[in-house]
Amino acid sequence: MSTKEKVLELLTAAPEGMSGEVLARKLGVSRAAIWKAVRSLKAQGCSIEGVSNRGYRLLWGADELDAALITGACGLPTEVFETLPSTNIVARERAAGGAPHGTVIVANTQSSGRGRRGRSFVSGGLGIYMTVVLRPKTEGADAALITTAAAVAVRDAILEVCGRDCGIKWVNDLYYNGKKVCGILTEAATDLESGDISSVAVGIGVNFRGVAADFPRELREKAGFLFEPGEGEVRRVGLIAKIASNLLIRAEQLKGREFMDEYRRHSIVLGRRVEYVRGGKTFVATALDIDQNGGLEVLRDDGVRETVTAGEVSVRM
């Protein structure tokens, strides 16, 4: 049993709290080792407060994931894994095997998470790593809006469950307090005979709870968390269930595009100066609008007005 596990065991058995000195003496380790163990437990979702003259007191345990609780909250078939290379990989396998619309795949950690354009998605702190299998009854331009619909679905879920008001960066990222807290990766499977989309795996990664030091140094100024360790009483299970429920609702709105107004309203790109790459050349422009097919309408500095439909943009500060 690790020092962290032993500290949790001792605090669980002492609801009145226990000093760092006593914990260190009981476990035969340094006070610094106790502090490190407490910090690690907080990163896992434990709420531990410092009590004057009593040291540490456990308010609640780790933020555990439970498939039955998620299914009970959203009514969708759910699988939970401790570690996966990528939830999208398993979701695509389940979809190929006939998994129904709305199947949810969740992992506590990812070892090889992926973002758009082949980039890696770094798992830091306590996160949500989930993929929902969709079988949309749509095609063409409507199906291309699944990522846009998912961004609205996740944003609404975070606001309702966590009270955090996120902005949407075209096309698939959510930002809170100026830092990225969520990325979305949508991957479609096509029926080779008909050419129709047979399933879509919507992968969602949320930086749920942690501190900047949980990220590699190069990401600390760009990525953030919804909560700091010990902050708030929200559990991941509730947010996962709400995200999945919202996504299925929004997936039914692809043809009517009812989510587009909300997507525009919460955009952090519109009206801003942006950069994007096309044909190997970088352009600077002002973001004007987002059309009904999700394209970003821009006015380039050279006077050309065009619609960006693929790739990504960076916002010039």
C-alpha atoms as a PDB file:
ATOM      1  CA  MET A   1       0.000   0.000   0.000  1.00  0.00           C
ATOM      2  CA  SER A   2       1.370   3.397  -0.990  1.00  0.00           C
ATOM      3  CA  THR A   3       1.795   6.341   1.398  1.00  0.00           C
ATOM      4  CA  LYS A   4      -1.124   8.052  -0.337  1.00  0.00           C
ATOM      5  CA  GLU A   5      -3.409   5.054   0.243  1.00  0.00           C
ATOM      6  CA  LYS A   6      -2.297   4.769   3.876  1.00  0.00           C
ATOM      7  CA  VAL A   7      -2.981   8.468   4.483  1.00  0.00           C
ATOM      8  CA  LEU A   8      -6.473   8.090   2.999  1.00  0.00           C
ATOM      9  CA  GLU A   9      -7.108   5.054   5.199  1.00  0.00           C
ATOM     10  CA  LEU A  10      -6.031   6.904   8.354  1.00  0.00           C
ATOM     11  CA  LEU A  11      -8.060  10.027   7.548  1.00  0.00           C
ATOM     12  CA  THR A  12     -11.123   7.921   6.741  1.00  0.00           C
ATOM     13  CA  ALA A  13     -10.856   6.339  10.190  1.00  0.00           C
ATOM     14  CA  ALA A  14     -10.418   9.731  11.897  1.00  0.00           C
ATOM     15  CA  PRO A  15     -13.400  11.956  10.960  1.00  0.00           C
ATOM     16  CA  GLU A  16     -12.242  14.575  13.479  1.00  0.00           C
ATOM     17  CA  GLY A  17      -8.971  14.982  11.574  1.00  0.00           C
ATOM     18  CA  MET A  18      -5.318  14.138  12.164  1.00  0.00           C
ATOM     19  CA  SER A  19      -2.199  16.303  12.224  1.00  0.00           C
ATOM     20  CA  GLY A  20       0.550  15.963   9.666  1.00  0.00           C
ATOM     21  CA  GLU A  21       2.956  15.183  12.508  1.00  0.00           C
ATOM     22  CA  VAL A  22       0.851  12.267  13.739  1.00  0.00           C
ATOM     23  CA  LEU A  23       0.338  10.948  10.198  1.00  0.00           C
ATOM     24  CA  ALA A  24       4.077  11.088   9.566  1.00  0.00           C
ATOM     25  CA  ARG A  25       4.859   9.305  12.835  1.00  0.00           C
ATOM     26  CA  LYS A  26       2.288   6.565  12.263  1.00  0.00           C
ATOM     27  CA  LEU A  27       3.525   5.884   8.745  1.00  0.00           C
ATOM     28  CA  GLY A  28       7.228   6.383   9.440  1.00  0.00           C
ATOM     29  CA  VAL A  29       7.653   9.025   6.720  1.00  0.00           C
ATOM     30  CA  SER A  30       8.487  12.729   6.582  1.00  0.00           C
ATOM     31  CA  ARG A  31       6.009  15.609   6.892  1.00  0.00           C
ATOM     32  CA  ALA A  32       6.906  16.466   3.290  1.00  0.00           C
ATOM     33  CA  ALA A  33       5.812  12.982   2.201  1.00  0.00           C
ATOM     34  CA  ILE A  34       2.477  13.493   3.972  1.00  0.00           C
ATOM     35  CA  TRP A  35       1.967  16.856   2.243  1.00  0.00           C
ATOM     36  CA  LYS A  36       2.737  15.254  -1.119  1.00  0.00           C
ATOM     37  CA  ALA A  37       0.286  12.406  -0.435  1.00  0.00           C
ATOM     38  CA  VAL A  38      -2.473  14.847   0.556  1.00  0.00           C
ATOM     39  CA  ARG A  39      -1.885  16.890  -2.591  1.00  0.00           C
ATOM     40  CA  SER A  40      -2.113  13.736  -4.711  1.00  0.00           C
ATOM     41  CA  LEU A  41      -5.365  12.704  -3.004  1.00  0.00           C
ATOM     42  CA  LYS A  42      -6.846  16.140  -3.705  1.00  0.00           C
ATOM     43  CA  ALA A  43      -5.904  15.773  -7.355  1.00  0.00           C
ATOM     44  CA  GLN A  44      -7.925  12.534  -7.409  1.00  0.00           C
ATOM     45  CA  GLY A  45     -10.989  14.390  -6.188  1.00  0.00           C
ATOM     46  CA  CYS A  46     -10.731  13.891  -2.426  1.00  0.00           C
ATOM     47  CA  SER A  47     -11.800  16.919  -0.416  1.00  0.00           C
ATOM     48  CA  ILE A  48      -9.322  17.386   2.435  1.00  0.00           C
ATOM     49  CA  GLU A  49      -9.319  20.532   4.507  1.00  0.00           C
ATOM     50  CA  GLY A  50      -6.666  21.872   6.820  1.00  0.00           C
ATOM     51  CA  VAL A  51      -8.041  22.206  10.365  1.00  0.00           C
ATOM     52  CA  SER A  52      -6.325  24.453  12.898  1.00  0.00           C
ATOM     53  CA  ASN A  53      -4.604  22.395  15.611  1.00  0.00           C
ATOM     54  CA  ARG A  54      -5.887  19.160  14.043  1.00  0.00           C
ATOM     55  CA  GLY A  55      -4.063  19.008  10.719  1.00  0.00           C
ATOM     56  CA  TYR A  56      -6.028  17.346   7.909  1.00  0.00           C
ATOM     57  CA  ARG A  57      -9.670  16.300   7.795  1.00  0.00           C
ATOM     58  CA  LEU A  58     -11.306  14.246   5.038  1.00  0.00           C
ATOM     59  CA  LEU A  59     -14.630  15.673   3.838  1.00  0.00           C
ATOM     60  CA  TRP A  60     -15.235  13.167   1.073  1.00  0.00           C
ATOM     61  CA  GLY A  61     -13.302  10.495  -0.786  1.00  0.00           C
ATOM     62  CA  ALA A  62     -11.995  10.167  -4.311  1.00  0.00           C
ATOM     63  CA  ASP A  63     -14.111  11.104  -7.311  1.00  0.00           C
ATOM     64  CA  GLU A  64     -14.756   7.553  -8.491  1.00  0.00           C
ATOM     65  CA  LEU A  65     -16.361   6.641 -11.816  1.00  0.00           C
ATOM     66  CA  ASP A  66     -19.234   4.165 -11.807  1.00  0.00           C
ATOM     67  CA  ALA A  67     -20.947   2.861 -14.953  1.00  0.00           C
ATOM     68  CA  ALA A  68     -24.190   2.028 -13.127  1.00  0.00           C
ATOM     69  CA  LEU A  69     -24.457   5.553 -11.711  1.00  0.00           C
ATOM     70  CA  ILE A  70     -23.864   7.124 -15.125  1.00  0.00           C
ATOM     71  CA  THR A  71     -26.432   4.858 -16.771  1.00  0.00           C
ATOM     72  CA  GLY A  72     -28.878   5.555 -13.968  1.00  0.00           C
ATOM     73  CA  ALA A  73     -28.503   9.293 -14.481  1.00  0.00           C
ATOM     74  CA  CYS A  74     -28.766   9.406 -18.278  1.00  0.00           C
ATOM     75  CA  GLY A  75     -30.337   6.072 -19.249  1.00  0.00           C
ATOM     76  CA  LEU A  76     -27.542   5.226 -21.692  1.00  0.00           C
ATOM     77  CA  PRO A  77     -25.419   2.041 -21.845  1.00  0.00           C
ATOM     78  CA  THR A  78     -22.055   2.883 -20.302  1.00  0.00           C
ATOM     79  CA  GLU A  79     -18.688   1.179 -19.929  1.00  0.00           C
ATOM     80  CA  VAL A  80     -16.030   2.499 -17.547  1.00  0.00           C
ATOM     81  CA  PHE A  81     -12.343   1.614 -17.762  1.00  0.00           C
ATOM     82  CA  GLU A  82      -9.497   2.537 -15.447  1.00  0.00           C
ATOM     83  CA  THR A  83      -7.049   3.216 -18.308  1.00  0.00           C
ATOM     84  CA  LEU A  84      -7.382   3.211 -22.087  1.00  0.00           C
ATOM     85  CA  PRO A  85      -5.107   4.370 -24.884  1.00  0.00           C
ATOM     86  CA  SER A  86      -8.112   6.329 -26.218  1.00  0.00           C
ATOM     87  CA  THR A  87     -11.856   6.135 -25.564  1.00  0.00           C
ATOM     88  CA  ASN A  88     -12.472   6.847 -29.265  1.00  0.00           C
ATOM     89  CA  ILE A  89     -10.658   3.649 -30.252  1.00  0.00           C
ATOM     90  CA  VAL A  90     -12.867   1.493 -28.007  1.00  0.00           C
ATOM     91  CA  ALA A  91     -16.007   3.370 -29.057  1.00  0.00           C
ATOM     92  CA  ARG A  92     -15.263   2.755 -32.746  1.00  0.00           C
ATOM     93  CA  GLU A  93     -14.721  -0.940 -31.989  1.00  0.00           C
ATOM     94  CA  ARG A  94     -18.024  -1.104 -30.093  1.00  0.00           C
ATOM     95  CA  ALA A  95     -19.800   0.708 -32.944  1.00  0.00           C
ATOM     96  CA  ALA A  96     -18.395  -1.741 -35.496  1.00  0.00           C
ATOM     97  CA  GLY A  97     -19.744  -4.539 -33.313  1.00  0.00           C
ATOM     98  CA  GLY A  98     -23.248  -3.077 -33.320  1.00  0.00           C
ATOM     99  CA  ALA A  99     -23.259  -0.898 -30.181  1.00  0.00           C
ATOM    100  CA  PRO A 100     -26.471   1.159 -30.093  1.00  0.00           C
ATOM    101  CA  HIS A 101     -26.901   4.882 -30.516  1.00  0.00           C
ATOM    102  CA  GLY A 102     -25.900   6.613 -27.278  1.00  0.00           C
ATOM    103  CA  THR A 103     -23.350   4.076 -26.035  1.00  0.00           C
ATOM    104  CA  VAL A 104     -20.917   5.820 -23.655  1.00  0.00           C
ATOM    105  CA  ILE A 105     -17.280   4.815 -23.160  1.00  0.00           C
ATOM    106  CA  VAL A 106     -15.428   6.397 -20.227  1.00  0.00           C
ATOM    107  CA  ALA A 107     -11.867   6.082 -18.921  1.00  0.00           C
ATOM    108  CA  ASN A 108     -10.334   7.363 -15.721  1.00  0.00           C
ATOM    109  CA  THR A 109      -7.100   8.054 -17.603  1.00  0.00           C
ATOM    110  CA  GLN A 110      -5.893   7.933 -21.208  1.00  0.00           C
ATOM    111  CA  SER A 111      -2.377   6.982 -22.238  1.00  0.00           C
ATOM    112  CA  SER A 112      -2.609   7.993 -25.908  1.00  0.00           C
ATOM    113  CA  GLY A 113      -5.439  10.515 -26.155  1.00  0.00           C
ATOM    114  CA  ARG A 114      -5.708  12.247 -29.512  1.00  0.00           C
ATOM    115  CA  GLY A 115      -6.880  15.650 -30.627  1.00  0.00           C
ATOM    116  CA  ARG A 116      -7.622  17.064 -34.057  1.00  0.00           C
ATOM    117  CA  ARG A 117      -5.119  16.879 -36.915  1.00  0.00           C
ATOM    118  CA  GLY A 118      -3.253  13.977 -35.282  1.00  0.00           C
ATOM    119  CA  ARG A 119      -2.152  15.901 -32.205  1.00  0.00           C
ATOM    120  CA  SER A 120      -1.999  14.264 -28.797  1.00  0.00           C
ATOM    121  CA  PHE A 121      -4.500  15.193 -26.087  1.00  0.00           C
ATOM    122  CA  VAL A 122      -2.580  15.483 -22.830  1.00  0.00           C
ATOM    123  CA  SER A 123      -4.319  14.073 -19.753  1.00  0.00           C
ATOM    124  CA  GLY A 124      -3.480  16.200 -16.712  1.00  0.00           C
ATOM    125  CA  GLY A 125      -4.883  16.210 -13.175  1.00  0.00           C
ATOM    126  CA  LEU A 126      -8.328  14.693 -12.760  1.00  0.00           C
ATOM    127  CA  GLY A 127     -10.091  14.605 -16.114  1.00  0.00           C
ATOM    128  CA  ILE A 128     -13.113  13.348 -17.995  1.00  0.00           C
ATOM    129  CA  TYR A 129     -12.268  11.185 -20.986  1.00  0.00           C
ATOM    130  CA  MET A 130     -15.381   9.945 -22.729  1.00  0.00           C
ATOM    131  CA  THR A 131     -16.735   9.030 -26.147  1.00  0.00           C
ATOM    132  CA  VAL A 132     -20.366   8.734 -27.185  1.00  0.00           C
ATOM    133  CA  VAL A 133     -21.390   6.547 -30.131  1.00  0.00           C
ATOM    134  CA  LEU A 134     -23.939   8.242 -32.382  1.00  0.00           C
ATOM    135  CA  ARG A 135     -25.849   6.780 -35.294  1.00  0.00           C
ATOM    136  CA  PRO A 136     -27.178   9.984 -36.882  1.00  0.00           C
ATOM    137  CA  LYS A 137     -30.005   9.798 -39.383  1.00  0.00           C
ATOM    138  CA  THR A 138     -28.425  12.457 -41.550  1.00  0.00           C
ATOM    139  CA  GLU A 139     -25.691  12.995 -44.113  1.00  0.00           C
ATOM    140  CA  GLY A 140     -23.508  15.566 -45.868  1.00  0.00           C
ATOM    141  CA  ALA A 141     -23.403  19.088 -44.468  1.00  0.00           C
ATOM    142  CA  ASP A 142     -25.738  18.141 -41.603  1.00  0.00           C
ATOM    143  CA  ALA A 143     -23.412  15.389 -40.345  1.00  0.00           C
ATOM    144  CA  ALA A 144     -20.453  17.771 -40.541  1.00  0.00           C
ATOM    145  CA  LEU A 145     -22.104  19.833 -37.798  1.00  0.00           C
ATOM    146  CA  ILE A 146     -21.854  17.122 -35.142  1.00  0.00           C
ATOM    147  CA  THR A 147     -18.711  18.681 -33.650  1.00  0.00           C
ATOM    148  CA  THR A 148     -20.427  22.085 -33.517  1.00  0.00           C
ATOM    149  CA  ALA A 149     -23.486  20.560 -31.834  1.00  0.00           C
ATOM    150  CA  ALA A 150     -21.247  18.713 -29.376  1.00  0.00           C
ATOM    151  CA  ALA A 151     -19.491  21.935 -28.350  1.00  0.00           C
ATOM    152  CA  VAL A 152     -22.850  23.475 -27.420  1.00  0.00           C
ATOM    153  CA  ALA A 153     -23.949  20.297 -25.625  1.00  0.00           C
ATOM    154  CA  VAL A 154     -20.796  20.172 -23.491  1.00  0.00           C
ATOM    155  CA  ARG A 155     -20.854  23.903 -22.769  1.00  0.00           C
ATOM    156  CA  ASP A 156     -24.454  23.722 -21.539  1.00  0.00           C
ATOM    157  CA  ALA A 157     -23.690  20.675 -19.379  1.00  0.00           C
ATOM    158  CA  ILE A 158     -20.702  22.361 -17.728  1.00  0.00           C
ATOM    159  CA  LEU A 159     -22.750  25.471 -16.990  1.00  0.00           C
ATOM    160  CA  GLU A 160     -25.661  23.500 -15.522  1.00  0.00           C
ATOM    161  CA  VAL A 161     -23.665  20.992 -13.477  1.00  0.00           C
ATOM    162  CA  CYS A 162     -20.541  22.971 -12.579  1.00  0.00           C
ATOM    163  CA  GLY A 163     -21.682  26.585 -12.797  1.00  0.00           C
ATOM    164  CA  ARG A 164     -18.766  27.385 -15.102  1.00  0.00           C
ATOM    165  CA  ASP A 165     -19.535  29.645 -18.076  1.00  0.00           C
ATOM    166  CA  CYS A 166     -17.264  28.530 -20.918  1.00  0.00           C
ATOM    167  CA  GLY A 167     -16.639  30.153 -24.283  1.00  0.00           C
ATOM    168  CA  ILE A 168     -16.384  28.229 -27.565  1.00  0.00           C
ATOM    169  CA  LYS A 169     -13.306  28.568 -29.751  1.00  0.00           C
ATOM    170  CA  TRP A 170     -14.048  27.598 -33.337  1.00  0.00           C
ATOM    171  CA  VAL A 171     -14.450  24.815 -33.978  1.00  0.00           C
ATOM    172  CA  ASN A 172     -14.139  22.327 -31.128  1.00  0.00           C
ATOM    173  CA  ASP A 173     -12.543  23.773 -27.974  1.00  0.00           C
ATOM    174  CA  LEU A 174     -14.029  25.211 -24.784  1.00  0.00           C
ATOM    175  CA  TYR A 175     -12.264  27.890 -22.752  1.00  0.00           C
ATOM    176  CA  TYR A 176     -12.728  28.963 -19.149  1.00  0.00           C
ATOM    177  CA  ASN A 177     -10.900  31.940 -17.629  1.00  0.00           C
ATOM    178  CA  GLY A 178      -8.888  32.304 -20.828  1.00  0.00           C
ATOM    179  CA  LYS A 179      -7.585  28.725 -20.853  1.00  0.00           C
ATOM    180  CA  LYS A 180      -8.603  25.591 -22.741  1.00  0.00           C
ATOM    181  CA  VAL A 181     -10.561  23.176 -20.576  1.00  0.00           C
ATOM    182  CA  CYS A 182     -12.146  20.906 -23.192  1.00  0.00           C
ATOM    183  CA  GLY A 183     -11.402  19.451 -26.604  1.00  0.00           C
ATOM    184  CA  ILE A 184     -13.689  17.471 -28.901  1.00  0.00           C
ATOM    185  CA  LEU A 185     -12.666  14.932 -31.560  1.00  0.00           C
ATOM    186  CA  THR A 186     -15.334  13.547 -33.906  1.00  0.00           C
ATOM    187  CA  GLU A 187     -14.599  10.495 -36.049  1.00  0.00           C
ATOM    188  CA  ALA A 188     -17.102   9.014 -38.524  1.00  0.00           C
ATOM    189  CA  ALA A 189     -17.333   5.484 -39.911  1.00  0.00           C
ATOM    190  CA  THR A 190     -18.808   5.056 -43.395  1.00  0.00           C
ATOM    191  CA  ASP A 191     -20.662   2.107 -44.871  1.00  0.00           C
ATOM    192  CA  LEU A 192     -18.497   1.035 -47.814  1.00  0.00           C
ATOM    193  CA  GLU A 193     -21.436  -0.177 -49.901  1.00  0.00           C
ATOM    194  CA  SER A 194     -23.848   2.727 -49.494  1.00  0.00           C
ATOM    195  CA  GLY A 195     -21.380   5.472 -48.653  1.00  0.00           C
ATOM    196  CA  ASP A 196     -23.626   6.555 -45.780  1.00  0.00           C
ATOM    197  CA  ILE A 197     -22.304   7.370 -42.319  1.00  0.00           C
ATOM    198  CA  SER A 198     -22.894   4.290 -40.177  1.00  0.00           C
ATOM    199  CA  SER A 199     -21.678   5.713 -36.865  1.00  0.00           C
ATOM    200  CA  VAL A 200     -19.878   8.646 -35.310  1.00  0.00           C
ATOM    201  CA  ALA A 201     -17.592   8.544 -32.285  1.00  0.00           C
ATOM    202  CA  VAL A 202     -17.688  11.873 -30.442  1.00  0.00           C
ATOM    203  CA  GLY A 203     -14.672  12.028 -28.131  1.00  0.00           C
ATOM    204  CA  ILE A 204     -14.731  14.607 -25.340  1.00  0.00           C
ATOM    205  CA  GLY A 205     -11.876  15.454 -23.005  1.00  0.00           C
ATOM    206  CA  VAL A 206     -12.488  17.803 -20.069  1.00  0.00           C
ATOM    207  CA  ASN A 207      -9.805  19.099 -17.692  1.00  0.00           C
ATOM    208  CA  PHE A 208     -11.964  18.688 -14.614  1.00  0.00           C
ATOM    209  CA  ARG A 209      -9.859  19.277 -11.500  1.00  0.00           C
ATOM    210  CA  GLY A 210      -6.215  20.134 -10.967  1.00  0.00           C
ATOM    211  CA  VAL A 211      -3.509  22.794 -10.942  1.00  0.00           C
ATOM    212  CA  ALA A 212      -1.160  24.154 -13.589  1.00  0.00           C
ATOM    213  CA  ALA A 213       1.695  21.929 -12.417  1.00  0.00           C
ATOM    214  CA  ASP A 214      -0.318  18.881 -13.525  1.00  0.00           C
ATOM    215  CA  PHE A 215       0.406  19.842 -17.155  1.00  0.00           C
ATOM    216  CA  PRO A 216       3.721  19.765 -19.018  1.00  0.00           C
ATOM    217  CA  ARG A 217       5.460  23.128 -18.703  1.00  0.00           C
ATOM    218  CA  GLU A 218       4.712  24.112 -22.303  1.00  0.00           C
ATOM    219  CA  LEU A 219       0.946  23.822 -21.718  1.00  0.00           C
ATOM    220  CA  ARG A 220       0.601  25.620 -18.388  1.00  0.00           C
ATOM    221  CA  GLU A 221      -0.180  29.013 -19.924  1.00  0.00           C
ATOM    222  CA  LYS A 222      -2.681  27.538 -22.383  1.00  0.00           C
ATOM    223  CA  ALA A 223      -4.597  24.821 -20.521  1.00  0.00           C
ATOM    224  CA  GLY A 224      -6.650  25.084 -17.353  1.00  0.00           C
ATOM    225  CA  PHE A 225      -9.183  23.254 -15.170  1.00  0.00           C
ATOM    226  CA  LEU A 226     -12.805  23.775 -14.213  1.00  0.00           C
ATOM    227  CA  PHE A 227     -11.939  23.303 -10.539  1.00  0.00           C
ATOM    228  CA  GLU A 228      -8.890  23.415  -8.319  1.00  0.00           C
ATOM    229  CA  PRO A 229      -8.256  20.510  -5.916  1.00  0.00           C
ATOM    230  CA  GLY A 230     -10.709  20.629  -3.013  1.00  0.00           C
ATOM    231  CA  GLU A 231     -12.895  23.232  -4.728  1.00  0.00           C
ATOM    232  CA  GLY A 232     -16.608  22.548  -5.187  1.00  0.00           C
ATOM    233  CA  GLU A 233     -18.583  19.380  -4.540  1.00  0.00           C
ATOM    234  CA  VAL A 234     -19.322  18.440  -8.150  1.00  0.00           C
ATOM    235  CA  ARG A 235     -18.527  14.850  -9.117  1.00  0.00           C
ATOM    236  CA  ARG A 236     -17.484  13.675 -12.557  1.00  0.00           C
ATOM    237  CA  VAL A 237     -20.316  11.138 -12.822  1.00  0.00           C
ATOM    238  CA  GLY A 238     -22.947  13.867 -12.898  1.00  0.00           C
ATOM    239  CA  LEU A 239     -21.172  15.888 -15.562  1.00  0.00           C
ATOM    240  CA  ILE A 240     -20.530  12.827 -17.756  1.00  0.00           C
ATOM    241  CA  ALA A 241     -24.218  11.860 -17.649  1.00  0.00           C
ATOM    242  CA  LYS A 242     -25.332  15.393 -18.476  1.00  0.00           C
ATOM    243  CA  ILE A 243     -22.895  15.719 -21.365  1.00  0.00           C
ATOM    244  CA  ALA A 244     -24.116  12.433 -22.872  1.00  0.00           C
ATOM    245  CA  SER A 245     -27.787  13.398 -22.462  1.00  0.00           C
ATOM    246  CA  ASN A 246     -27.237  16.842 -23.984  1.00  0.00           C
ATOM    247  CA  LEU A 247     -25.296  15.398 -26.900  1.00  0.00           C
ATOM    248  CA  LEU A 248     -28.134  13.086 -27.904  1.00  0.00           C
ATOM    249  CA  ILE A 249     -30.577  15.995 -27.800  1.00  0.00           C
ATOM    250  CA  ARG A 250     -28.346  18.204 -29.936  1.00  0.00           C
ATOM    251  CA  ALA A 251     -27.685  15.347 -32.378  1.00  0.00           C
ATOM    252  CA  GLU A 252     -31.401  15.389 -33.196  1.00  0.00           C
ATOM    253  CA  GLN A 253     -31.121  19.055 -34.193  1.00  0.00           C
ATOM    254  CA  LEU A 254     -28.571  18.710 -36.993  1.00  0.00           C
ATOM    255  CA  LYS A 255     -31.038  19.291 -39.812  1.00  0.00           C
ATOM    256  CA  GLY A 256     -32.797  22.230 -38.148  1.00  0.00           C
ATOM    257  CA  ARG A 257     -29.533  23.673 -36.739  1.00  0.00           C
ATOM    258  CA  GLU A 258     -31.296  24.922 -33.609  1.00  0.00           C
ATOM    259  CA  PHE A 259     -27.959  25.065 -31.763  1.00  0.00           C
ATOM    260  CA  MET A 260     -26.217  27.481 -34.152  1.00  0.00           C
ATOM    261  CA  ASP A 261     -27.447  30.679 -32.487  1.00  0.00           C
ATOM    262  CA  GLU A 262     -26.118  29.496 -29.139  1.00  0.00           C
ATOM    263  CA  TYR A 263     -22.838  28.469 -30.745  1.00  0.00           C
ATOM    264  CA  ARG A 264     -22.408  31.977 -32.170  1.00  0.00           C
ATOM    265  CA  ARG A 265     -23.516  33.682 -28.964  1.00  0.00           C
ATOM    266  CA  HIS A 266     -20.823  31.979 -26.908  1.00  0.00           C
ATOM    267  CA  SER A 267     -18.042  32.197 -29.501  1.00  0.00           C
ATOM    268  CA  ILE A 268     -14.761  33.714 -28.296  1.00  0.00           C
ATOM    269  CA  VAL A 269     -13.596  34.140 -31.891  1.00  0.00           C
ATOM    270  CA  LEU A 270     -16.193  36.426 -33.483  1.00  0.00           C
ATOM    271  CA  GLY A 271     -15.060  40.025 -33.751  1.00  0.00           C
ATOM    272  CA  ARG A 272     -11.480  39.029 -32.966  1.00  0.00           C
ATOM    273  CA  ARG A 273      -8.312  39.058 -35.027  1.00  0.00           C
ATOM    274  CA  VAL A 274      -7.374  35.516 -36.046  1.00  0.00           C
ATOM    275  CA  GLU A 275      -4.726  33.601 -37.959  1.00  0.00           C
ATOM    276  CA  TYR A 276      -5.259  30.503 -40.067  1.00  0.00           C
ATOM    277  CA  VAL A 277      -3.334  28.469 -42.618  1.00  0.00           C
ATOM    278  CA  ARG A 278      -4.547  27.653 -46.107  1.00  0.00           C
ATOM    279  CA  GLY A 279      -2.436  26.075 -48.835  1.00  0.00           C
ATOM    280  CA  GLY A 280       0.670  26.403 -46.712  1.00  0.00           C
ATOM    281  CA  LYS A 281       0.196  30.162 -46.328  1.00  0.00           C
ATOM    282  CA  THR A 282      -0.752  31.972 -43.125  1.00  0.00           C
ATOM    283  CA  PHE A 283      -3.496  34.597 -43.293  1.00  0.00           C
ATOM    284  CA  VAL A 284      -4.472  37.253 -40.760  1.00  0.00           C
ATOM    285  CA  ALA A 285      -8.121  38.236 -40.688  1.00  0.00           C
ATOM    286  CA  THR A 286     -11.058  39.420 -38.604  1.00  0.00           C
ATOM    287  CA  ALA A 287     -13.667  36.799 -37.735  1.00  0.00           C
ATOM    288  CA  LEU A 288     -17.064  38.117 -38.839  1.00  0.00           C
ATOM    289  CA  ASP A 289     -19.644  35.357 -38.476  1.00  0.00           C
ATOM    290  CA  ILE A 290     -20.318  31.626 -38.402  1.00  0.00           C
ATOM    291  CA  ASP A 291     -22.623  30.410 -41.170  1.00  0.00           C
ATOM    292  CA  GLN A 292     -25.378  27.805 -40.873  1.00  0.00           C
ATOM    293  CA  ASN A 293     -22.979  25.055 -41.945  1.00  0.00           C
ATOM    294  CA  GLY A 294     -20.480  25.948 -39.235  1.00  0.00           C
ATOM    295  CA  GLY A 295     -18.039  27.745 -41.520  1.00  0.00           C
ATOM    296  CA  LEU A 296     -16.126  30.726 -40.126  1.00  0.00           C
ATOM    297  CA  GLU A 297     -16.610  33.830 -42.242  1.00  0.00           C
ATOM    298  CA  VAL A 298     -13.570  36.114 -42.158  1.00  0.00           C
ATOM    299  CA  LEU A 299     -12.324  39.331 -43.741  1.00  0.00           C
ATOM    300  CA  ARG A 300      -8.636  38.991 -44.518  1.00  0.00           C
ATOM    301  CA  ASP A 301      -6.251  41.887 -44.128  1.00  0.00           C
ATOM    302  CA  ASP A 302      -5.770  41.856 -47.910  1.00  0.00           C
ATOM    303  CA  GLY A 303      -9.484  42.668 -48.333  1.00  0.00           C
ATOM    304  CA  VAL A 304     -10.644  39.183 -49.348  1.00  0.00           C
ATOM    305  CA  ARG A 305     -13.745  37.834 -47.620  1.00  0.00           C
ATOM    306  CA  GLU A 306     -13.946  34.042 -47.411  1.00  0.00           C
ATOM    307  CA  THR A 307     -15.331  31.169 -45.357  1.00  0.00           C
ATOM    308  CA  VAL A 308     -12.956  28.852 -43.507  1.00  0.00           C
ATOM    309  CA  THR A 309     -14.449  25.368 -43.371  1.00  0.00           C
ATOM    310  CA  ALA A 310     -11.525  23.207 -42.228  1.00  0.00           C
ATOM    311  CA  GLY A 311      -8.416  23.417 -40.102  1.00  0.00           C
ATOM    312  CA  GLU A 312      -8.242  25.668 -37.087  1.00  0.00           C
ATOM    313  CA  VAL A 313      -7.685  29.273 -36.196  1.00  0.00           C
ATOM    314  CA  SER A 314      -5.617  30.947 -33.517  1.00  0.00           C
ATOM    315  CA  VAL A 315      -6.812  34.112 -31.844  1.00  0.00           C
ATOM    316  CA  ARG A 316      -4.387  37.035 -31.921  1.00  0.00           C
ATOM    317  CA  MET A 317      -4.178  38.680 -28.504  1.00  0.00           C
END
